N, C-alpha and C. Protein backbone atom coordinates (compact mmCIF):
# COMPACT_ATOMS: atom_id res chain seq x y z
N MET A 1 51.02 -8.24 -15.95
CA MET A 1 50.93 -8.72 -17.07
C MET A 1 49.94 -7.94 -17.98
N ALA A 2 50.01 -7.54 -19.02
CA ALA A 2 48.92 -6.75 -19.75
C ALA A 2 47.93 -7.81 -20.42
N ARG A 3 46.88 -6.98 -20.56
CA ARG A 3 45.86 -8.05 -20.99
C ARG A 3 45.88 -8.09 -22.60
N SER A 4 46.70 -7.03 -23.43
CA SER A 4 46.42 -6.27 -24.42
C SER A 4 47.68 -8.17 -25.30
N ASN A 5 48.52 -8.46 -24.31
CA ASN A 5 49.41 -9.76 -24.72
C ASN A 5 48.67 -10.71 -24.91
N ALA A 6 47.59 -11.07 -24.34
CA ALA A 6 46.60 -12.35 -25.02
C ALA A 6 45.38 -11.67 -25.53
N PRO A 7 45.42 -12.60 -26.90
CA PRO A 7 44.32 -12.54 -27.19
C PRO A 7 42.98 -12.95 -27.06
N SER A 8 41.83 -11.81 -27.68
CA SER A 8 40.97 -12.34 -27.32
C SER A 8 39.99 -12.71 -28.68
N TYR A 9 39.48 -14.35 -28.44
CA TYR A 9 38.49 -14.73 -29.27
C TYR A 9 37.37 -14.43 -29.16
N VAL A 10 36.10 -14.72 -30.06
CA VAL A 10 34.99 -14.74 -29.91
C VAL A 10 34.83 -16.33 -29.58
N LYS A 11 33.17 -16.34 -28.23
CA LYS A 11 32.99 -17.06 -27.69
C LYS A 11 32.68 -18.30 -28.44
N GLY A 12 33.24 -19.67 -28.42
CA GLY A 12 32.46 -20.62 -29.50
C GLY A 12 33.17 -20.81 -30.70
N ALA A 13 34.28 -19.94 -31.25
CA ALA A 13 34.83 -19.91 -32.64
C ALA A 13 35.28 -20.78 -33.05
N ARG A 14 35.73 -21.06 -33.59
CA ARG A 14 36.80 -22.28 -33.88
C ARG A 14 38.39 -21.57 -34.17
N ILE A 15 39.20 -22.21 -33.47
CA ILE A 15 40.37 -21.48 -33.76
C ILE A 15 41.62 -22.56 -34.25
N THR A 16 41.71 -22.06 -35.81
CA THR A 16 42.88 -23.40 -36.38
C THR A 16 43.96 -22.63 -36.84
N GLY A 17 44.95 -23.28 -37.58
CA GLY A 17 45.95 -22.91 -38.54
C GLY A 17 46.85 -21.90 -37.45
N ASP A 18 47.40 -20.97 -38.76
CA ASP A 18 47.98 -20.20 -37.70
C ASP A 18 47.86 -19.21 -36.60
N SER A 19 46.17 -18.73 -36.83
CA SER A 19 45.84 -18.48 -35.22
C SER A 19 46.48 -19.44 -34.07
N ARG A 20 45.74 -20.85 -34.39
CA ARG A 20 45.94 -21.80 -33.30
C ARG A 20 47.70 -21.70 -33.13
N ASP A 21 48.32 -21.48 -33.73
CA ASP A 21 49.67 -21.59 -33.50
C ASP A 21 50.03 -20.39 -33.08
N ARG A 22 49.62 -18.84 -33.04
CA ARG A 22 50.26 -17.97 -32.63
C ARG A 22 49.75 -18.09 -31.06
N LEU A 23 48.13 -18.35 -30.91
CA LEU A 23 47.57 -18.58 -29.73
C LEU A 23 48.47 -19.47 -28.60
N GLN A 24 48.76 -20.58 -29.19
CA GLN A 24 49.35 -21.16 -28.14
C GLN A 24 51.08 -20.94 -27.84
N SER A 25 51.79 -20.14 -28.78
CA SER A 25 52.61 -19.60 -28.56
C SER A 25 52.38 -18.34 -27.47
N THR A 26 51.25 -17.74 -27.27
CA THR A 26 51.19 -16.74 -26.85
C THR A 26 50.83 -16.88 -24.79
N LEU A 27 50.01 -18.42 -25.33
CA LEU A 27 49.48 -18.80 -23.62
C LEU A 27 50.71 -19.63 -23.49
N LYS A 28 51.85 -20.31 -24.01
CA LYS A 28 53.21 -20.96 -23.40
C LYS A 28 53.70 -20.04 -22.63
N GLU A 29 54.04 -18.78 -23.48
CA GLU A 29 55.02 -17.61 -22.73
C GLU A 29 54.21 -16.97 -21.62
N LEU A 30 53.03 -17.17 -21.53
CA LEU A 30 52.55 -16.16 -20.15
C LEU A 30 52.37 -17.00 -18.97
N TYR A 31 51.67 -18.11 -19.66
CA TYR A 31 51.80 -19.07 -18.28
C TYR A 31 53.32 -19.27 -17.80
N GLU A 32 54.06 -19.44 -18.97
CA GLU A 32 55.70 -20.02 -18.20
C GLU A 32 55.99 -18.94 -17.14
N ALA A 33 55.44 -17.52 -17.89
CA ALA A 33 55.74 -16.23 -17.39
C ALA A 33 55.30 -16.03 -16.01
N GLY A 34 53.99 -17.18 -15.23
CA GLY A 34 53.14 -17.29 -13.76
C GLY A 34 51.71 -16.85 -13.81
N ALA A 35 51.57 -16.74 -15.12
CA ALA A 35 49.98 -16.59 -15.36
C ALA A 35 49.19 -17.82 -15.06
N SER A 36 48.05 -17.67 -14.17
CA SER A 36 47.32 -18.97 -14.25
C SER A 36 46.70 -19.47 -15.55
N ILE A 37 46.10 -20.63 -15.15
CA ILE A 37 45.08 -21.24 -16.57
C ILE A 37 43.74 -20.82 -16.43
N ARG A 38 43.62 -20.15 -15.23
CA ARG A 38 42.19 -19.24 -15.24
C ARG A 38 42.47 -17.69 -15.48
N SER A 39 43.43 -17.16 -15.17
CA SER A 39 43.58 -15.87 -15.94
C SER A 39 43.21 -16.18 -17.13
N LEU A 40 43.85 -16.99 -18.02
CA LEU A 40 44.28 -17.12 -19.32
C LEU A 40 42.94 -16.97 -20.15
N ALA A 41 42.44 -18.23 -19.25
CA ALA A 41 40.73 -18.08 -20.09
C ALA A 41 40.10 -17.24 -20.07
N ASP A 42 40.47 -16.19 -18.74
CA ASP A 42 39.62 -14.88 -18.35
C ASP A 42 39.92 -13.78 -19.85
N ARG A 43 41.46 -13.66 -19.50
CA ARG A 43 41.78 -12.92 -20.84
C ARG A 43 41.57 -13.05 -22.10
N THR A 44 41.93 -14.66 -22.20
CA THR A 44 41.30 -14.82 -23.56
C THR A 44 39.58 -15.18 -24.52
N GLY A 45 38.99 -15.29 -23.40
CA GLY A 45 37.66 -15.20 -23.34
C GLY A 45 36.88 -16.52 -23.51
N ARG A 46 37.72 -17.81 -23.27
CA ARG A 46 37.53 -19.22 -23.64
C ARG A 46 37.85 -19.89 -22.49
N SER A 47 37.48 -20.72 -22.52
CA SER A 47 36.91 -21.91 -21.42
C SER A 47 38.52 -22.58 -20.42
N TYR A 48 38.72 -22.99 -19.27
CA TYR A 48 39.58 -22.93 -18.87
C TYR A 48 40.17 -24.47 -19.48
N GLY A 49 39.46 -24.88 -20.16
CA GLY A 49 39.29 -26.54 -20.30
C GLY A 49 39.85 -26.81 -21.74
N PHE A 50 39.22 -25.51 -22.81
CA PHE A 50 40.21 -25.04 -23.73
C PHE A 50 42.00 -24.41 -23.28
N VAL A 51 42.14 -23.86 -22.63
CA VAL A 51 43.41 -23.05 -22.67
C VAL A 51 44.24 -24.43 -21.63
N HIS A 52 43.77 -25.46 -20.88
CA HIS A 52 44.64 -26.37 -20.58
C HIS A 52 44.88 -27.33 -21.75
N LYS A 53 43.85 -27.47 -22.70
CA LYS A 53 44.36 -28.29 -23.64
C LYS A 53 44.98 -27.37 -25.01
N VAL A 54 44.93 -26.48 -24.81
CA VAL A 54 46.15 -25.95 -26.14
C VAL A 54 47.82 -25.24 -25.07
N LEU A 55 47.63 -25.39 -23.84
CA LEU A 55 48.52 -25.66 -23.30
C LEU A 55 48.96 -26.93 -23.28
N ALA A 56 48.68 -28.11 -23.31
CA ALA A 56 48.99 -29.20 -23.39
C ALA A 56 49.57 -29.84 -24.61
N GLU A 57 48.97 -29.50 -25.94
CA GLU A 57 49.42 -29.28 -27.15
C GLU A 57 50.56 -28.65 -27.49
N SER A 58 50.51 -27.76 -26.71
CA SER A 58 52.07 -26.82 -27.27
C SER A 58 53.40 -27.36 -26.68
N GLY A 59 53.27 -28.22 -25.73
CA GLY A 59 54.44 -28.89 -25.27
C GLY A 59 54.59 -28.36 -23.74
N THR A 60 53.42 -27.43 -22.88
CA THR A 60 54.12 -26.76 -21.82
C THR A 60 54.30 -27.87 -20.81
N VAL A 61 55.14 -27.93 -19.76
CA VAL A 61 54.90 -28.38 -18.96
C VAL A 61 54.42 -27.75 -17.74
N LEU A 62 52.80 -28.27 -17.49
CA LEU A 62 51.88 -28.02 -16.53
C LEU A 62 52.77 -28.09 -15.10
N ARG A 63 51.96 -26.92 -14.32
CA ARG A 63 52.93 -26.75 -13.16
C ARG A 63 51.01 -27.18 -12.39
N SER A 64 51.98 -27.94 -10.88
CA SER A 64 50.86 -29.01 -10.01
C SER A 64 49.67 -27.99 -9.53
N ARG A 65 49.11 -28.15 -8.76
CA ARG A 65 48.00 -27.52 -8.19
C ARG A 65 48.47 -26.78 -7.18
N GLY A 66 47.99 -25.83 -6.91
CA GLY A 66 48.58 -25.27 -5.44
C GLY A 66 47.59 -24.91 -4.69
N GLY A 67 47.36 -24.02 -3.78
CA GLY A 67 47.11 -24.16 -2.53
C GLY A 67 47.13 -24.89 -1.62
N PRO A 68 46.63 -24.81 -0.03
CA PRO A 68 47.12 -25.41 0.86
C PRO A 68 46.37 -26.86 1.04
N ASN A 69 47.33 -27.86 1.31
CA ASN A 69 46.72 -29.81 1.25
C ASN A 69 45.72 -29.32 2.65
N ARG A 70 44.74 -30.24 2.34
CA ARG A 70 43.57 -30.59 3.36
C ARG A 70 44.66 -31.57 4.52
N LYS A 71 44.20 -31.60 5.64
CA LYS A 71 44.93 -32.36 6.80
C LYS A 71 43.65 -32.66 6.90
N LYS A 72 43.80 -34.39 8.08
CA LYS A 72 42.96 -35.23 8.59
C LYS A 72 42.41 -34.19 9.38
N ALA A 73 41.35 -34.42 10.34
CA ALA A 73 41.26 -33.77 11.41
C ALA A 73 41.77 -34.97 12.71
N GLY A 74 42.50 -33.80 13.70
CA GLY A 74 42.58 -34.66 14.62
C GLY A 74 42.02 -35.72 15.29
N VAL A 75 42.87 -36.35 15.47
CA VAL A 75 42.05 -38.24 16.35
C VAL A 75 42.22 -37.34 17.56
N GLN A 76 41.17 -37.78 18.11
CA GLN A 76 40.67 -37.41 19.77
C GLN A 76 41.02 -38.48 20.08
N PRO A 77 41.66 -38.42 21.44
CA PRO A 77 42.02 -39.98 22.32
C PRO A 77 40.95 -40.42 23.25
């Protein structure tokens, strides 16, 4: 995935109106293509929470968390 697909915004700047709509559709497209929320946050210069919120607002079905599950320590007799 090319970096140019995800727009970069000034940190802390409010994103509203058409800009937010375009950002939502771009992030949704990239996320559904397999990008992680964290990678999208890095690409756009925004926080994880902001990207998560924008994806949720756009109606994106979010994937469950990945990684191995923690197992209970074996019980010794």
